[in-house]
Structures are given as structure tokens and as C-alpha cells.
Amino acid sequence: MLGLREDQGMTRAALASAAKVSPTTLTLLEQGRAQPNLATLESVARVLGVRVADLFDEEQAARKPTSGSTTFFRLVGRLRGRTDSQLRALEKLLSAFDRAVEAAED
């Protein structure tokens, strides 16, 4: 769990807040000193953008994400807590961006 969090450039406080668990609980989980319930595991996995099983997969935890996936997860993290109107405005902005990229490629 610690490796996945660090690979995505998330602080412990940011993950704890987004997953709605206490920083102390997250510290204990990362250190293997606590037994999480399924709801906590699902919440942490959702925030990290992985499956619950990946939290226990040493090979997955040791694998470095591509810079694109790191950027993706960082962006997704920034979207949490945004209002519907903010998300719609961002969607319009991204549509305009897509059109500009397409025009530049032609």
C-alpha cells in the first residue's frame, strides 16, 4: 500500500482524507500493524485506482507506474470533491482541448 501511494505522489494525509480514514489508521495499515475491514480496503483501493487485491500484491506494489498513469491518478485525485458544475466546466474545457489537438495534428 505504501509503495502504491508513494508511486502516485500522494501524501499519507491526502490518501487518508480521500479514502475517509484517519492518518493513524493508514499508517498502521501501511506498516502491517492493523487489520483493515473490507470497506477501508475498498476505499483505499478506489482512491489509488487499483483493485483491492493489488494492495496485497507485492509484485504490483513494486511495479512503477508509467509517468502517464501517475499523472492520470494525480488528476483524478484533484477531481474528488468537485461540484457537478465544476466537472461539467472541466469537461467543456477538455472538449475544446481535444478539438485544438485534432486541429494541430491535421
N, C-alpha and C. Protein backbone atom coordinates (compact mmCIF):
# COMPACT_ATOMS: atom_id res chain seq x y z
N MET A 1 0.83 -1.19 0.00
CA MET A 1 0.00 0.00 0.00
C MET A 1 0.88 1.26 0.00
N LEU A 2 1.89 1.25 0.81
CA LEU A 2 2.80 2.39 0.89
C LEU A 2 3.44 2.66 -0.47
N GLY A 3 3.92 1.59 -1.12
CA GLY A 3 4.55 1.76 -2.43
C GLY A 3 3.60 2.32 -3.46
N LEU A 4 2.37 1.83 -3.46
CA LEU A 4 1.37 2.34 -4.41
C LEU A 4 1.10 3.83 -4.17
N ARG A 5 0.98 4.19 -2.89
CA ARG A 5 0.72 5.59 -2.55
C ARG A 5 1.89 6.47 -2.98
N GLU A 6 3.10 6.05 -2.66
CA GLU A 6 4.28 6.85 -2.99
C GLU A 6 4.49 6.94 -4.50
N ASP A 7 4.22 5.83 -5.22
CA ASP A 7 4.36 5.85 -6.68
C ASP A 7 3.46 6.89 -7.32
N GLN A 8 2.34 7.16 -6.69
CA GLN A 8 1.40 8.12 -7.23
C GLN A 8 1.63 9.52 -6.69
N GLY A 9 2.66 9.68 -5.88
CA GLY A 9 2.99 11.00 -5.36
C GLY A 9 1.99 11.53 -4.35
N MET A 10 1.27 10.63 -3.70
CA MET A 10 0.28 11.06 -2.71
C MET A 10 0.90 11.07 -1.32
N THR A 11 0.54 12.05 -0.56
CA THR A 11 0.95 12.06 0.84
C THR A 11 0.02 11.14 1.62
N ARG A 12 0.48 10.73 2.78
CA ARG A 12 -0.37 9.91 3.64
C ARG A 12 -1.64 10.67 4.01
N ALA A 13 -1.49 11.94 4.30
CA ALA A 13 -2.65 12.75 4.68
C ALA A 13 -3.66 12.85 3.54
N ALA A 14 -3.16 13.02 2.31
CA ALA A 14 -4.06 13.14 1.16
C ALA A 14 -4.83 11.84 0.92
N LEU A 15 -4.13 10.70 1.01
CA LEU A 15 -4.81 9.42 0.81
C LEU A 15 -5.81 9.17 1.93
N ALA A 16 -5.41 9.44 3.16
CA ALA A 16 -6.31 9.23 4.29
C ALA A 16 -7.57 10.07 4.13
N SER A 17 -7.40 11.32 3.74
CA SER A 17 -8.55 12.20 3.57
C SER A 17 -9.46 11.72 2.45
N ALA A 18 -8.87 11.39 1.30
CA ALA A 18 -9.66 10.96 0.15
C ALA A 18 -10.36 9.63 0.42
N ALA A 19 -9.70 8.74 1.18
CA ALA A 19 -10.28 7.43 1.47
C ALA A 19 -11.17 7.46 2.71
N LYS A 20 -11.22 8.61 3.36
CA LYS A 20 -12.03 8.80 4.55
C LYS A 20 -11.64 7.85 5.69
N VAL A 21 -10.33 7.75 5.90
CA VAL A 21 -9.79 7.03 7.05
C VAL A 21 -8.84 7.96 7.78
N SER A 22 -8.56 7.67 9.02
CA SER A 22 -7.66 8.55 9.77
C SER A 22 -6.22 8.31 9.31
N PRO A 23 -5.38 9.35 9.38
CA PRO A 23 -3.97 9.16 9.04
C PRO A 23 -3.31 8.09 9.91
N THR A 24 -3.72 7.99 11.16
CA THR A 24 -3.16 6.98 12.06
C THR A 24 -3.51 5.58 11.56
N THR A 25 -4.76 5.39 11.16
CA THR A 25 -5.19 4.10 10.62
C THR A 25 -4.38 3.76 9.37
N LEU A 26 -4.21 4.72 8.49
CA LEU A 26 -3.45 4.48 7.27
C LEU A 26 -2.00 4.12 7.59
N THR A 27 -1.41 4.81 8.54
CA THR A 27 -0.03 4.49 8.95
C THR A 27 0.06 3.05 9.44
N LEU A 28 -0.88 2.65 10.28
CA LEU A 28 -0.88 1.28 10.81
C LEU A 28 -1.08 0.26 9.70
N LEU A 29 -1.93 0.57 8.73
CA LEU A 29 -2.14 -0.34 7.60
C LEU A 29 -0.88 -0.47 6.77
N GLU A 30 -0.24 0.66 6.48
CA GLU A 30 0.99 0.63 5.68
C GLU A 30 2.11 -0.13 6.38
N GLN A 31 2.10 -0.11 7.68
CA GLN A 31 3.13 -0.80 8.46
C GLN A 31 2.75 -2.25 8.76
N GLY A 32 1.56 -2.65 8.33
CA GLY A 32 1.11 -4.02 8.59
C GLY A 32 0.76 -4.28 10.03
N ARG A 33 0.42 -3.23 10.75
CA ARG A 33 0.14 -3.36 12.19
C ARG A 33 -1.35 -3.25 12.49
N ALA A 34 -2.20 -3.26 11.45
CA ALA A 34 -3.65 -3.19 11.66
C ALA A 34 -4.33 -4.13 10.68
N GLN A 35 -5.49 -4.60 11.05
CA GLN A 35 -6.30 -5.46 10.20
C GLN A 35 -7.46 -4.62 9.65
N PRO A 36 -7.38 -4.23 8.39
CA PRO A 36 -8.44 -3.37 7.84
C PRO A 36 -9.71 -4.16 7.55
N ASN A 37 -10.83 -3.46 7.59
CA ASN A 37 -12.07 -4.10 7.15
C ASN A 37 -12.20 -3.91 5.65
N LEU A 38 -13.13 -4.61 5.05
CA LEU A 38 -13.29 -4.58 3.60
C LEU A 38 -13.63 -3.18 3.10
N ALA A 39 -14.46 -2.45 3.83
CA ALA A 39 -14.84 -1.10 3.40
C ALA A 39 -13.62 -0.19 3.32
N THR A 40 -12.72 -0.31 4.28
CA THR A 40 -11.49 0.50 4.27
C THR A 40 -10.62 0.13 3.09
N LEU A 41 -10.46 -1.17 2.86
CA LEU A 41 -9.65 -1.62 1.72
C LEU A 41 -10.23 -1.13 0.40
N GLU A 42 -11.54 -1.23 0.26
CA GLU A 42 -12.18 -0.78 -0.98
C GLU A 42 -12.00 0.72 -1.17
N SER A 43 -12.11 1.47 -0.10
CA SER A 43 -11.96 2.92 -0.19
C SER A 43 -10.54 3.31 -0.58
N VAL A 44 -9.55 2.69 0.05
CA VAL A 44 -8.15 2.99 -0.27
C VAL A 44 -7.85 2.57 -1.71
N ALA A 45 -8.30 1.39 -2.11
CA ALA A 45 -8.05 0.92 -3.48
C ALA A 45 -8.70 1.85 -4.50
N ARG A 46 -9.92 2.31 -4.22
CA ARG A 46 -10.61 3.22 -5.14
C ARG A 46 -9.81 4.50 -5.34
N VAL A 47 -9.34 5.06 -4.24
CA VAL A 47 -8.56 6.31 -4.32
C VAL A 47 -7.26 6.09 -5.09
N LEU A 48 -6.62 4.95 -4.87
CA LEU A 48 -5.36 4.66 -5.55
C LEU A 48 -5.56 4.19 -6.98
N GLY A 49 -6.82 3.90 -7.34
CA GLY A 49 -7.10 3.46 -8.69
C GLY A 49 -6.64 2.04 -8.98
N VAL A 50 -6.66 1.20 -7.95
CA VAL A 50 -6.23 -0.19 -8.10
C VAL A 50 -7.33 -1.11 -7.55
N ARG A 51 -7.15 -2.41 -7.78
CA ARG A 51 -8.06 -3.39 -7.19
C ARG A 51 -7.63 -3.66 -5.76
N VAL A 52 -8.57 -4.12 -4.94
CA VAL A 52 -8.23 -4.46 -3.55
C VAL A 52 -7.09 -5.47 -3.53
N ALA A 53 -7.14 -6.44 -4.42
CA ALA A 53 -6.08 -7.47 -4.47
C ALA A 53 -4.71 -6.84 -4.70
N ASP A 54 -4.65 -5.75 -5.45
CA ASP A 54 -3.37 -5.10 -5.72
C ASP A 54 -2.73 -4.54 -4.46
N LEU A 55 -3.54 -4.25 -3.44
CA LEU A 55 -2.98 -3.75 -2.19
C LEU A 55 -2.13 -4.81 -1.50
N PHE A 56 -2.35 -6.08 -1.86
CA PHE A 56 -1.63 -7.19 -1.23
C PHE A 56 -0.65 -7.85 -2.18
N ASP A 57 -0.59 -7.39 -3.41
CA ASP A 57 0.25 -8.00 -4.44
C ASP A 57 1.61 -7.33 -4.42
N GLU A 58 2.62 -8.01 -3.89
CA GLU A 58 3.95 -7.41 -3.78
C GLU A 58 4.53 -7.06 -5.15
N GLU A 59 4.25 -7.90 -6.16
CA GLU A 59 4.76 -7.60 -7.50
C GLU A 59 4.12 -6.32 -8.04
N GLN A 60 2.80 -6.18 -7.84
CA GLN A 60 2.11 -4.97 -8.28
C GLN A 60 2.63 -3.75 -7.51
N ALA A 61 2.82 -3.91 -6.22
CA ALA A 61 3.28 -2.80 -5.40
C ALA A 61 4.69 -2.37 -5.79
N ALA A 62 5.51 -3.32 -6.24
CA ALA A 62 6.89 -3.00 -6.61
C ALA A 62 6.98 -2.41 -8.01
N ARG A 63 5.95 -2.59 -8.83
CA ARG A 63 5.97 -2.13 -10.21
C ARG A 63 5.73 -0.62 -10.25
N LYS A 64 6.60 0.07 -10.95
CA LYS A 64 6.46 1.51 -11.07
C LYS A 64 5.44 1.83 -12.16
N PRO A 65 4.51 2.74 -11.91
CA PRO A 65 3.59 3.12 -12.96
C PRO A 65 4.30 3.97 -14.00
N THR A 66 3.72 4.04 -15.18
CA THR A 66 4.28 4.93 -16.19
C THR A 66 4.01 6.36 -15.75
N SER A 67 4.75 7.30 -16.31
CA SER A 67 4.52 8.69 -15.93
C SER A 67 3.11 9.12 -16.30
N GLY A 68 2.57 8.56 -17.39
CA GLY A 68 1.21 8.89 -17.79
C GLY A 68 0.19 8.43 -16.77
N SER A 69 0.37 7.22 -16.22
CA SER A 69 -0.59 6.74 -15.23
C SER A 69 -0.45 7.53 -13.93
N THR A 70 0.75 7.92 -13.57
CA THR A 70 0.94 8.74 -12.38
C THR A 70 0.21 10.07 -12.54
N THR A 71 0.36 10.68 -13.70
CA THR A 71 -0.33 11.94 -13.98
C THR A 71 -1.84 11.73 -13.93
N PHE A 72 -2.31 10.64 -14.52
CA PHE A 72 -3.74 10.35 -14.53
C PHE A 72 -4.28 10.27 -13.11
N PHE A 73 -3.62 9.49 -12.24
CA PHE A 73 -4.12 9.33 -10.88
C PHE A 73 -4.04 10.64 -10.09
N ARG A 74 -3.02 11.43 -10.36
CA ARG A 74 -2.92 12.73 -9.70
C ARG A 74 -4.08 13.63 -10.12
N LEU A 75 -4.42 13.60 -11.40
CA LEU A 75 -5.55 14.40 -11.90
C LEU A 75 -6.87 13.91 -11.32
N VAL A 76 -7.05 12.61 -11.29
CA VAL A 76 -8.29 12.06 -10.72
C VAL A 76 -8.43 12.48 -9.26
N GLY A 77 -7.34 12.43 -8.54
CA GLY A 77 -7.37 12.85 -7.15
C GLY A 77 -7.80 14.30 -6.99
N ARG A 78 -7.41 15.14 -7.93
CA ARG A 78 -7.79 16.56 -7.88
C ARG A 78 -9.26 16.77 -8.19
N LEU A 79 -9.90 15.80 -8.85
CA LEU A 79 -11.32 15.94 -9.20
C LEU A 79 -12.24 15.60 -8.04
N ARG A 80 -11.75 14.84 -7.10
CA ARG A 80 -12.60 14.45 -5.97
C ARG A 80 -13.07 15.69 -5.22
N GLY A 81 -14.33 15.67 -4.88
CA GLY A 81 -14.90 16.77 -4.10
C GLY A 81 -15.34 17.96 -4.94
N ARG A 82 -15.17 17.89 -6.25
CA ARG A 82 -15.62 18.98 -7.12
C ARG A 82 -17.13 18.90 -7.31
N THR A 83 -17.75 20.02 -7.53
CA THR A 83 -19.19 20.06 -7.76
C THR A 83 -19.50 19.59 -9.18
N ASP A 84 -20.76 19.25 -9.40
CA ASP A 84 -21.17 18.84 -10.75
C ASP A 84 -20.92 19.96 -11.76
N SER A 85 -21.19 21.19 -11.38
CA SER A 85 -20.99 22.29 -12.33
C SER A 85 -19.49 22.48 -12.63
N GLN A 86 -18.64 22.28 -11.66
CA GLN A 86 -17.20 22.36 -11.91
C GLN A 86 -16.75 21.25 -12.85
N LEU A 87 -17.28 20.05 -12.65
CA LEU A 87 -16.91 18.93 -13.52
C LEU A 87 -17.42 19.14 -14.94
N ARG A 88 -18.62 19.69 -15.10
CA ARG A 88 -19.15 19.99 -16.44
C ARG A 88 -18.28 21.05 -17.13
N ALA A 89 -17.86 22.05 -16.39
CA ALA A 89 -16.99 23.09 -16.96
C ALA A 89 -15.66 22.48 -17.39
N LEU A 90 -15.12 21.58 -16.60
CA LEU A 90 -13.88 20.92 -16.96
C LEU A 90 -14.07 20.05 -18.20
N GLU A 91 -15.20 19.38 -18.30
CA GLU A 91 -15.49 18.55 -19.46
C GLU A 91 -15.53 19.41 -20.74
N LYS A 92 -16.14 20.59 -20.65
CA LYS A 92 -16.16 21.51 -21.80
C LYS A 92 -14.74 21.96 -22.17
N LEU A 93 -13.95 22.24 -21.15
CA LEU A 93 -12.57 22.65 -21.38
C LEU A 93 -11.78 21.54 -22.06
N LEU A 94 -11.98 20.31 -21.62
CA LEU A 94 -11.29 19.18 -22.24
C LEU A 94 -11.75 18.94 -23.68
N SER A 95 -13.02 19.16 -23.94
CA SER A 95 -13.53 19.03 -25.32
C SER A 95 -12.86 20.06 -26.22
N ALA A 96 -12.74 21.28 -25.73
CA ALA A 96 -12.07 22.33 -26.51
C ALA A 96 -10.60 21.97 -26.71
N PHE A 97 -9.97 21.42 -25.71
CA PHE A 97 -8.58 20.99 -25.81
C PHE A 97 -8.44 19.90 -26.87
N ASP A 98 -9.34 18.91 -26.84
CA ASP A 98 -9.32 17.83 -27.83
C ASP A 98 -9.44 18.39 -29.25
N ARG A 99 -10.35 19.33 -29.45
CA ARG A 99 -10.53 19.93 -30.78
C ARG A 99 -9.27 20.66 -31.21
N ALA A 100 -8.61 21.36 -30.31
CA ALA A 100 -7.38 22.07 -30.64
C ALA A 100 -6.26 21.10 -31.00
N VAL A 101 -6.17 19.99 -30.27
CA VAL A 101 -5.14 18.99 -30.57
C VAL A 101 -5.40 18.37 -31.93
N GLU A 102 -6.65 18.04 -32.22
CA GLU A 102 -7.00 17.46 -33.52
C GLU A 102 -6.67 18.43 -34.66
N ALA A 103 -6.98 19.71 -34.47
CA ALA A 103 -6.70 20.71 -35.49
C ALA A 103 -5.20 20.85 -35.72
N ALA A 104 -4.43 20.78 -34.64
CA ALA A 104 -2.97 20.91 -34.77
C ALA A 104 -2.36 19.71 -35.47
N GLU A 105 -3.00 18.54 -35.34
CA GLU A 105 -2.47 17.32 -35.96
C GLU A 105 -2.81 17.25 -37.45
N ASP A 106 -3.78 18.00 -37.90
CA ASP A 106 -4.18 17.98 -39.32
C ASP A 106 -3.24 18.73 -40.21
